[in-house]
Amino acid sequence: MKKTLISLGILSLTAFPALAAEGAADACKTKLDAFTTMAQEVKLEEARMQQLQDMLTKANEQAKAGDEEGCKATAAEIEQMLGVKSE
């Protein structure tokens, strides 16, 4: 029983960083989904709309690749473009 509890403790400690990283990536992805919805509702001139779409694509690719910092940086640029205040 003691060995099982120790094993579970070690397993949880090794799994936690991976789960935390996944949670952060999910948070960025959730933000990007909200921005995608906003992009459909906001009225921007064509060049700005294309820039926004390009930035959304870039951020989504960063999120898929696990580049949390890159995704956050691109999301911050999108927030600025849309005039959204970060939480």
PDB file of N, CA and C in Angstrom:
ATOM      1  N   MET A   1       0.831  -1.189   0.000  1.00  0.00           N
ATOM      2  CA  MET A   1       0.000   0.000   0.000  1.00  0.00           C
ATOM      3  C   MET A   1       0.880   1.259   0.000  1.00  0.00           C
ATOM      4  N   LYS A   2       1.913   1.241   0.827  1.00  0.00           N
ATOM      5  CA  LYS A   2       2.808   2.388   0.945  1.00  0.00           C
ATOM      6  C   LYS A   2       3.520   2.648  -0.384  1.00  0.00           C
ATOM      7  N   LYS A   3       3.969   1.563  -1.048  1.00  0.00           N
ATOM      8  CA  LYS A   3       4.635   1.700  -2.338  1.00  0.00           C
ATOM      9  C   LYS A   3       3.679   2.285  -3.384  1.00  0.00           C
ATOM     10  N   THR A   4       2.423   1.874  -3.328  1.00  0.00           N
ATOM     11  CA  THR A   4       1.425   2.384  -4.270  1.00  0.00           C
ATOM     12  C   THR A   4       1.222   3.876  -4.085  1.00  0.00           C
ATOM     13  N   LEU A   5       1.117   4.322  -2.847  1.00  0.00           N
ATOM     14  CA  LEU A   5       0.932   5.742  -2.569  1.00  0.00           C
ATOM     15  C   LEU A   5       2.149   6.562  -3.007  1.00  0.00           C
ATOM     16  N   ILE A   6       3.334   6.028  -2.759  1.00  0.00           N
ATOM     17  CA  ILE A   6       4.552   6.718  -3.180  1.00  0.00           C
ATOM     18  C   ILE A   6       4.605   6.803  -4.707  1.00  0.00           C
ATOM     19  N   SER A   7       4.265   5.700  -5.360  1.00  0.00           N
ATOM     20  CA  SER A   7       4.258   5.677  -6.826  1.00  0.00           C
ATOM     21  C   SER A   7       3.255   6.685  -7.382  1.00  0.00           C
ATOM     22  N   LEU A   8       2.084   6.755  -6.785  1.00  0.00           N
ATOM     23  CA  LEU A   8       1.073   7.715  -7.235  1.00  0.00           C
ATOM     24  C   LEU A   8       1.553   9.148  -7.016  1.00  0.00           C
ATOM     25  N   GLY A   9       2.232   9.381  -5.892  1.00  0.00           N
ATOM     26  CA  GLY A   9       2.774  10.714  -5.610  1.00  0.00           C
ATOM     27  C   GLY A   9       3.810  11.117  -6.634  1.00  0.00           C
ATOM     28  N   ILE A  10       4.706  10.221  -6.958  1.00  0.00           N
ATOM     29  CA  ILE A  10       5.742  10.512  -7.961  1.00  0.00           C
ATOM     30  C   ILE A  10       5.105  10.726  -9.325  1.00  0.00           C
ATOM     31  N   LEU A  11       4.143   9.891  -9.668  1.00  0.00           N
ATOM     32  CA  LEU A  11       3.457  10.030 -10.952  1.00  0.00           C
ATOM     33  C   LEU A  11       2.760  11.383 -11.061  1.00  0.00           C
ATOM     34  N   SER A  12       2.112  11.805  -9.987  1.00  0.00           N
ATOM     35  CA  SER A  12       1.410  13.093 -10.030  1.00  0.00           C
ATOM     36  C   SER A  12       2.397  14.249 -10.155  1.00  0.00           C
ATOM     37  N   LEU A  13       3.555  14.146  -9.525  1.00  0.00           N
ATOM     38  CA  LEU A  13       4.561  15.203  -9.630  1.00  0.00           C
ATOM     39  C   LEU A  13       5.151  15.288 -11.026  1.00  0.00           C
ATOM     40  N   THR A  14       5.307  14.160 -11.683  1.00  0.00           N
ATOM     41  CA  THR A  14       5.869  14.180 -13.036  1.00  0.00           C
ATOM     42  C   THR A  14       4.820  14.564 -14.066  1.00  0.00           C
ATOM     43  N   ALA A  15       3.577  14.279 -13.800  1.00  0.00           N
ATOM     44  CA  ALA A  15       2.509  14.597 -14.752  1.00  0.00           C
ATOM     45  C   ALA A  15       2.054  16.048 -14.635  1.00  0.00           C
ATOM     46  N   PHE A  16       2.210  16.654 -13.465  1.00  0.00           N
ATOM     47  CA  PHE A  16       1.697  18.005 -13.245  1.00  0.00           C
ATOM     48  C   PHE A  16       2.223  19.044 -14.230  1.00  0.00           C
ATOM     49  N   PRO A  17       3.544  19.109 -14.490  1.00  0.00           N
ATOM     50  CA  PRO A  17       4.025  20.119 -15.446  1.00  0.00           C
ATOM     51  C   PRO A  17       3.414  19.967 -16.835  1.00  0.00           C
ATOM     52  N   ALA A  18       3.234  18.733 -17.279  1.00  0.00           N
ATOM     53  CA  ALA A  18       2.631  18.512 -18.598  1.00  0.00           C
ATOM     54  C   ALA A  18       1.182  18.983 -18.604  1.00  0.00           C
ATOM     55  N   LEU A  19       0.471  18.697 -17.535  1.00  0.00           N
ATOM     56  CA  LEU A  19      -0.921  19.130 -17.452  1.00  0.00           C
ATOM     57  C   LEU A  19      -1.018  20.644 -17.355  1.00  0.00           C
ATOM     58  N   ALA A  20      -0.113  21.256 -16.625  1.00  0.00           N
ATOM     59  CA  ALA A  20      -0.116  22.713 -16.499  1.00  0.00           C
ATOM     60  C   ALA A  20       0.160  23.365 -17.837  1.00  0.00           C
ATOM     61  N   ALA A  21       1.097  22.834 -18.588  1.00  0.00           N
ATOM     62  CA  ALA A  21       1.409  23.375 -19.913  1.00  0.00           C
ATOM     63  C   ALA A  21       0.223  23.217 -20.847  1.00  0.00           C
ATOM     64  N   GLU A  22      -0.445  22.073 -20.757  1.00  0.00           N
ATOM     65  CA  GLU A  22      -1.623  21.847 -21.588  1.00  0.00           C
ATOM     66  C   GLU A  22      -2.718  22.835 -21.226  1.00  0.00           C
ATOM     67  N   GLY A  23      -2.870  23.110 -19.936  1.00  0.00           N
ATOM     68  CA  GLY A  23      -3.873  24.070 -19.488  1.00  0.00           C
ATOM     69  C   GLY A  23      -3.587  25.464 -20.010  1.00  0.00           C
ATOM     70  N   ALA A  24      -2.320  25.857 -20.022  1.00  0.00           N
ATOM     71  CA  ALA A  24      -1.935  27.174 -20.532  1.00  0.00           C
ATOM     72  C   ALA A  24      -2.196  27.261 -22.024  1.00  0.00           C
ATOM     73  N   ALA A  25      -1.874  26.186 -22.745  1.00  0.00           N
ATOM     74  CA  ALA A  25      -2.128  26.164 -24.185  1.00  0.00           C
ATOM     75  C   ALA A  25      -3.631  26.244 -24.446  1.00  0.00           C
ATOM     76  N   ASP A  26      -4.410  25.560 -23.620  1.00  0.00           N
ATOM     77  CA  ASP A  26      -5.864  25.619 -23.758  1.00  0.00           C
ATOM     78  C   ASP A  26      -6.372  27.031 -23.498  1.00  0.00           C
ATOM     79  N   ALA A  27      -5.765  27.725 -22.543  1.00  0.00           N
ATOM     80  CA  ALA A  27      -6.181  29.091 -22.229  1.00  0.00           C
ATOM     81  C   ALA A  27      -5.918  29.997 -23.431  1.00  0.00           C
ATOM     82  N   CYS A  28      -4.779  29.829 -24.063  1.00  0.00           N
ATOM     83  CA  CYS A  28      -4.454  30.637 -25.240  1.00  0.00           C
ATOM     84  C   CYS A  28      -5.427  30.294 -26.371  1.00  0.00           C
ATOM     85  N   LYS A  29      -5.697  29.013 -26.555  1.00  0.00           N
ATOM     86  CA  LYS A  29      -6.619  28.570 -27.613  1.00  0.00           C
ATOM     87  C   LYS A  29      -8.019  29.114 -27.356  1.00  0.00           C
ATOM     88  N   THR A  30      -8.443  29.132 -26.109  1.00  0.00           N
ATOM     89  CA  THR A  30      -9.765  29.673 -25.767  1.00  0.00           C
ATOM     90  C   THR A  30      -9.832  31.155 -26.123  1.00  0.00           C
ATOM     91  N   LYS A  31      -8.751  31.872 -25.812  1.00  0.00           N
ATOM     92  CA  LYS A  31      -8.672  33.294 -26.143  1.00  0.00           C
ATOM     93  C   LYS A  31      -8.748  33.489 -27.659  1.00  0.00           C
ATOM     94  N   LEU A  32      -8.038  32.646 -28.391  1.00  0.00           N
ATOM     95  CA  LEU A  32      -8.029  32.752 -29.849  1.00  0.00           C
ATOM     96  C   LEU A  32      -9.414  32.478 -30.430  1.00  0.00           C
ATOM     97  N   ASP A  33     -10.127  31.539 -29.845  1.00  0.00           N
ATOM     98  CA  ASP A  33     -11.494  31.257 -30.298  1.00  0.00           C
ATOM     99  C   ASP A  33     -12.382  32.490 -30.101  1.00  0.00           C
ATOM    100  N   ALA A  34     -12.204  33.173 -28.968  1.00  0.00           N
ATOM    101  CA  ALA A  34     -12.976  34.398 -28.706  1.00  0.00           C
ATOM    102  C   ALA A  34     -12.602  35.476 -29.720  1.00  0.00           C
ATOM    103  N   PHE A  35     -11.303  35.598 -30.033  1.00  0.00           N
ATOM    104  CA  PHE A  35     -10.863  36.589 -31.006  1.00  0.00           C
ATOM    105  C   PHE A  35     -11.428  36.285 -32.394  1.00  0.00           C
ATOM    106  N   THR A  36     -11.510  35.013 -32.739  1.00  0.00           N
ATOM    107  CA  THR A  36     -12.061  34.620 -34.037  1.00  0.00           C
ATOM    108  C   THR A  36     -13.516  35.061 -34.131  1.00  0.00           C
ATOM    109  N   THR A  37     -14.262  34.885 -33.043  1.00  0.00           N
ATOM    110  CA  THR A  37     -15.658  35.333 -33.012  1.00  0.00           C
ATOM    111  C   THR A  37     -15.727  36.849 -33.139  1.00  0.00           C
ATOM    112  N   MET A  38     -14.861  37.552 -32.413  1.00  0.00           N
ATOM    113  CA  MET A  38     -14.826  39.019 -32.494  1.00  0.00           C
ATOM    114  C   MET A  38     -14.489  39.481 -33.906  1.00  0.00           C
ATOM    115  N   ALA A  39     -13.568  38.782 -34.543  1.00  0.00           N
ATOM    116  CA  ALA A  39     -13.130  39.167 -35.893  1.00  0.00           C
ATOM    117  C   ALA A  39     -14.287  39.119 -36.880  1.00  0.00           C
ATOM    118  N   GLN A  40     -15.239  38.238 -36.641  1.00  0.00           N
ATOM    119  CA  GLN A  40     -16.399  38.123 -37.519  1.00  0.00           C
ATOM    120  C   GLN A  40     -17.372  39.278 -37.302  1.00  0.00           C
ATOM    121  N   GLU A  41     -17.314  39.901 -36.126  1.00  0.00           N
ATOM    122  CA  GLU A  41     -18.255  40.961 -35.781  1.00  0.00           C
ATOM    123  C   GLU A  41     -17.697  42.370 -35.948  1.00  0.00           C
ATOM    124  N   VAL A  42     -16.366  42.490 -35.873  1.00  0.00           N
ATOM    125  CA  VAL A  42     -15.743  43.806 -35.930  1.00  0.00           C
ATOM    126  C   VAL A  42     -15.644  44.277 -37.386  1.00  0.00           C
ATOM    127  N   LYS A  43     -15.727  45.583 -37.554  1.00  0.00           N
ATOM    128  CA  LYS A  43     -15.610  46.146 -38.894  1.00  0.00           C
ATOM    129  C   LYS A  43     -14.246  46.814 -39.021  1.00  0.00           C
ATOM    130  N   LEU A  44     -13.406  46.218 -39.841  1.00  0.00           N
ATOM    131  CA  LEU A  44     -12.080  46.761 -40.119  1.00  0.00           C
ATOM    132  C   LEU A  44     -11.933  46.918 -41.625  1.00  0.00           C
ATOM    133  N   GLU A  45     -11.047  47.828 -42.004  1.00  0.00           N
ATOM    134  CA  GLU A  45     -10.791  47.935 -43.442  1.00  0.00           C
ATOM    135  C   GLU A  45     -10.125  46.636 -43.891  1.00  0.00           C
ATOM    136  N   GLU A  46     -10.208  46.376 -45.180  1.00  0.00           N
ATOM    137  CA  GLU A  46      -9.786  45.088 -45.724  1.00  0.00           C
ATOM    138  C   GLU A  46      -8.347  44.717 -45.356  1.00  0.00           C
ATOM    139  N   ALA A  47      -7.428  45.662 -45.448  1.00  0.00           N
ATOM    140  CA  ALA A  47      -6.020  45.379 -45.136  1.00  0.00           C
ATOM    141  C   ALA A  47      -5.850  44.996 -43.664  1.00  0.00           C
ATOM    142  N   ARG A  48      -6.531  45.695 -42.760  1.00  0.00           N
ATOM    143  CA  ARG A  48      -6.443  45.383 -41.327  1.00  0.00           C
ATOM    144  C   ARG A  48      -7.089  44.029 -41.029  1.00  0.00           C
ATOM    145  N   MET A  49      -8.189  43.738 -41.723  1.00  0.00           N
ATOM    146  CA  MET A  49      -8.867  42.455 -41.519  1.00  0.00           C
ATOM    147  C   MET A  49      -7.953  41.313 -41.964  1.00  0.00           C
ATOM    148  N   GLN A  50      -7.246  41.496 -43.074  1.00  0.00           N
ATOM    149  CA  GLN A  50      -6.316  40.465 -43.536  1.00  0.00           C
ATOM    150  C   GLN A  50      -5.178  40.286 -42.537  1.00  0.00           C
ATOM    151  N   GLN A  51      -4.688  41.396 -41.995  1.00  0.00           N
ATOM    152  CA  GLN A  51      -3.625  41.335 -40.985  1.00  0.00           C
ATOM    153  C   GLN A  51      -4.127  40.579 -39.755  1.00  0.00           C
ATOM    154  N   LEU A  52      -5.349  40.850 -39.343  1.00  0.00           N
ATOM    155  CA  LEU A  52      -5.936  40.164 -38.194  1.00  0.00           C
ATOM    156  C   LEU A  52      -6.059  38.665 -38.466  1.00  0.00           C
ATOM    157  N   GLN A  53      -6.533  38.312 -39.644  1.00  0.00           N
ATOM    158  CA  GLN A  53      -6.669  36.896 -40.001  1.00  0.00           C
ATOM    159  C   GLN A  53      -5.307  36.199 -40.004  1.00  0.00           C
ATOM    160  N   ASP A  54      -4.290  36.887 -40.531  1.00  0.00           N
ATOM    161  CA  ASP A  54      -2.936  36.329 -40.549  1.00  0.00           C
ATOM    162  C   ASP A  54      -2.413  36.102 -39.129  1.00  0.00           C
ATOM    163  N   MET A  55      -2.683  37.061 -38.253  1.00  0.00           N
ATOM    164  CA  MET A  55      -2.238  36.940 -36.866  1.00  0.00           C
ATOM    165  C   MET A  55      -2.971  35.800 -36.151  1.00  0.00           C
ATOM    166  N   LEU A  56      -4.260  35.643 -36.425  1.00  0.00           N
ATOM    167  CA  LEU A  56      -5.022  34.540 -35.838  1.00  0.00           C
ATOM    168  C   LEU A  56      -4.460  33.200 -36.311  1.00  0.00           C
ATOM    169  N   THR A  57      -4.150  33.111 -37.584  1.00  0.00           N
ATOM    170  CA  THR A  57      -3.576  31.883 -38.132  1.00  0.00           C
ATOM    171  C   THR A  57      -2.238  31.582 -37.465  1.00  0.00           C
ATOM    172  N   LYS A  58      -1.398  32.597 -37.350  1.00  0.00           N
ATOM    173  CA  LYS A  58      -0.084  32.434 -36.715  1.00  0.00           C
ATOM    174  C   LYS A  58      -0.235  31.967 -35.273  1.00  0.00           C
ATOM    175  N   ALA A  59      -1.117  32.603 -34.520  1.00  0.00           N
ATOM    176  CA  ALA A  59      -1.311  32.243 -33.115  1.00  0.00           C
ATOM    177  C   ALA A  59      -1.844  30.823 -32.970  1.00  0.00           C
ATOM    178  N   ASN A  60      -2.761  30.437 -33.835  1.00  0.00           N
ATOM    179  CA  ASN A  60      -3.296  29.068 -33.789  1.00  0.00           C
ATOM    180  C   ASN A  60      -2.204  28.050 -34.096  1.00  0.00           C
ATOM    181  N   GLU A  61      -1.344  28.354 -35.045  1.00  0.00           N
ATOM    182  CA  GLU A  61      -0.231  27.455 -35.363  1.00  0.00           C
ATOM    183  C   GLU A  61       0.733  27.363 -34.179  1.00  0.00           C
ATOM    184  N   GLN A  62       0.973  28.495 -33.523  1.00  0.00           N
ATOM    185  CA  GLN A  62       1.846  28.487 -32.349  1.00  0.00           C
ATOM    186  C   GLN A  62       1.230  27.631 -31.238  1.00  0.00           C
ATOM    187  N   ALA A  63      -0.072  27.759 -31.045  1.00  0.00           N
ATOM    188  CA  ALA A  63      -0.746  26.974 -30.006  1.00  0.00           C
ATOM    189  C   ALA A  63      -0.653  25.480 -30.314  1.00  0.00           C
ATOM    190  N   LYS A  64      -0.875  25.120 -31.570  1.00  0.00           N
ATOM    191  CA  LYS A  64      -0.796  23.707 -31.964  1.00  0.00           C
ATOM    192  C   LYS A  64       0.611  23.156 -31.782  1.00  0.00           C
ATOM    193  N   ALA A  65       1.622  24.000 -32.012  1.00  0.00           N
ATOM    194  CA  ALA A  65       3.016  23.576 -31.894  1.00  0.00           C
ATOM    195  C   ALA A  65       3.500  23.566 -30.445  1.00  0.00           C
ATOM    196  N   GLY A  66       2.667  24.042 -29.532  1.00  0.00           N
ATOM    197  CA  GLY A  66       3.045  24.076 -28.126  1.00  0.00           C
ATOM    198  C   GLY A  66       3.897  25.281 -27.754  1.00  0.00           C
ATOM    199  N   ASP A  67       3.920  26.287 -28.632  1.00  0.00           N
ATOM    200  CA  ASP A  67       4.695  27.508 -28.376  1.00  0.00           C
ATOM    201  C   ASP A  67       3.833  28.477 -27.574  1.00  0.00           C
ATOM    202  N   GLU A  68       3.760  28.222 -26.273  1.00  0.00           N
ATOM    203  CA  GLU A  68       2.897  29.012 -25.389  1.00  0.00           C
ATOM    204  C   GLU A  68       3.281  30.488 -25.388  1.00  0.00           C
ATOM    205  N   GLU A  69       4.577  30.771 -25.277  1.00  0.00           N
ATOM    206  CA  GLU A  69       5.030  32.169 -25.231  1.00  0.00           C
ATOM    207  C   GLU A  69       4.736  32.888 -26.545  1.00  0.00           C
ATOM    208  N   GLY A  70       4.961  32.207 -27.654  1.00  0.00           N
ATOM    209  CA  GLY A  70       4.664  32.801 -28.955  1.00  0.00           C
ATOM    210  C   GLY A  70       3.183  33.065 -29.114  1.00  0.00           C
ATOM    211  N   CYS A  71       2.376  32.119 -28.662  1.00  0.00           N
ATOM    212  CA  CYS A  71       0.921  32.266 -28.741  1.00  0.00           C
ATOM    213  C   CYS A  71       0.466  33.452 -27.896  1.00  0.00           C
ATOM    214  N   LYS A  72       1.016  33.563 -26.690  1.00  0.00           N
ATOM    215  CA  LYS A  72       0.651  34.683 -25.808  1.00  0.00           C
ATOM    216  C   LYS A  72       1.045  36.022 -26.422  1.00  0.00           C
ATOM    217  N   ALA A  73       2.230  36.073 -27.034  1.00  0.00           N
ATOM    218  CA  ALA A  73       2.706  37.320 -27.638  1.00  0.00           C
ATOM    219  C   ALA A  73       1.813  37.722 -28.807  1.00  0.00           C
ATOM    220  N   THR A  74       1.473  36.764 -29.647  1.00  0.00           N
ATOM    221  CA  THR A  74       0.613  37.058 -30.784  1.00  0.00           C
ATOM    222  C   THR A  74      -0.789  37.427 -30.310  1.00  0.00           C
ATOM    223  N   ALA A  75      -1.271  36.745 -29.280  1.00  0.00           N
ATOM    224  CA  ALA A  75      -2.590  37.066 -28.712  1.00  0.00           C
ATOM    225  C   ALA A  75      -2.602  38.489 -28.172  1.00  0.00           C
ATOM    226  N   ALA A  76      -1.501  38.925 -27.571  1.00  0.00           N
ATOM    227  CA  ALA A  76      -1.409  40.296 -27.057  1.00  0.00           C
ATOM    228  C   ALA A  76      -1.493  41.305 -28.207  1.00  0.00           C
ATOM    229  N   GLU A  77      -0.869  40.974 -29.330  1.00  0.00           N
ATOM    230  CA  GLU A  77      -0.948  41.853 -30.504  1.00  0.00           C
ATOM    231  C   GLU A  77      -2.385  41.922 -31.024  1.00  0.00           C
ATOM    232  N   ILE A  78      -3.055  40.790 -31.019  1.00  0.00           N
ATOM    233  CA  ILE A  78      -4.449  40.738 -31.474  1.00  0.00           C
ATOM    234  C   ILE A  78      -5.333  41.556 -30.533  1.00  0.00           C
ATOM    235  N   GLU A  79      -5.102  41.416 -29.226  1.00  0.00           N
ATOM    236  CA  GLU A  79      -5.853  42.206 -28.244  1.00  0.00           C
ATOM    237  C   GLU A  79      -5.701  43.691 -28.515  1.00  0.00           C
ATOM    238  N   GLN A  80      -4.465  44.104 -28.794  1.00  0.00           N
ATOM    239  CA  GLN A  80      -4.206  45.501 -29.068  1.00  0.00           C
ATOM    240  C   GLN A  80      -4.944  45.944 -30.335  1.00  0.00           C
ATOM    241  N   MET A  81      -4.898  45.124 -31.366  1.00  0.00           N
ATOM    242  CA  MET A  81      -5.568  45.451 -32.621  1.00  0.00           C
ATOM    243  C   MET A  81      -7.075  45.588 -32.438  1.00  0.00           C
ATOM    244  N   LEU A  82      -7.650  44.686 -31.629  1.00  0.00           N
ATOM    245  CA  LEU A  82      -9.106  44.689 -31.409  1.00  0.00           C
ATOM    246  C   LEU A  82      -9.520  45.664 -30.308  1.00  0.00           C
ATOM    247  N   GLY A  83      -8.540  46.204 -29.582  1.00  0.00           N
ATOM    248  CA  GLY A  83      -8.858  47.114 -28.499  1.00  0.00           C
ATOM    249  C   GLY A  83      -9.431  46.417 -27.287  1.00  0.00           C
ATOM    250  N   VAL A  84      -8.996  45.171 -27.080  1.00  0.00           N
ATOM    251  CA  VAL A  84      -9.466  44.378 -25.953  1.00  0.00           C
ATOM    252  C   VAL A  84      -8.438  44.484 -24.831  1.00  0.00           C
ATOM    253  N   LYS A  85      -8.917  44.662 -23.609  1.00  0.00           N
ATOM    254  CA  LYS A  85      -8.016  44.703 -22.455  1.00  0.00           C
ATOM    255  C   LYS A  85      -7.755  43.297 -21.990  1.00  0.00           C
ATOM    256  N   SER A  86      -6.483  43.002 -21.727  1.00  0.00           N
ATOM    257  CA  SER A  86      -6.084  41.687 -21.235  1.00  0.00           C
ATOM    258  C   SER A  86      -6.525  41.517 -19.789  1.00  0.00           C
ATOM    259  N   GLU A  87      -6.804  40.271 -19.422  1.00  0.00           N
ATOM    260  CA  GLU A  87      -7.235  39.951 -18.052  1.00  0.00           C
ATOM    261  C   GLU A  87      -6.070  39.927 -17.112  1.00  0.00           C
TER     262      GLU A  87
END
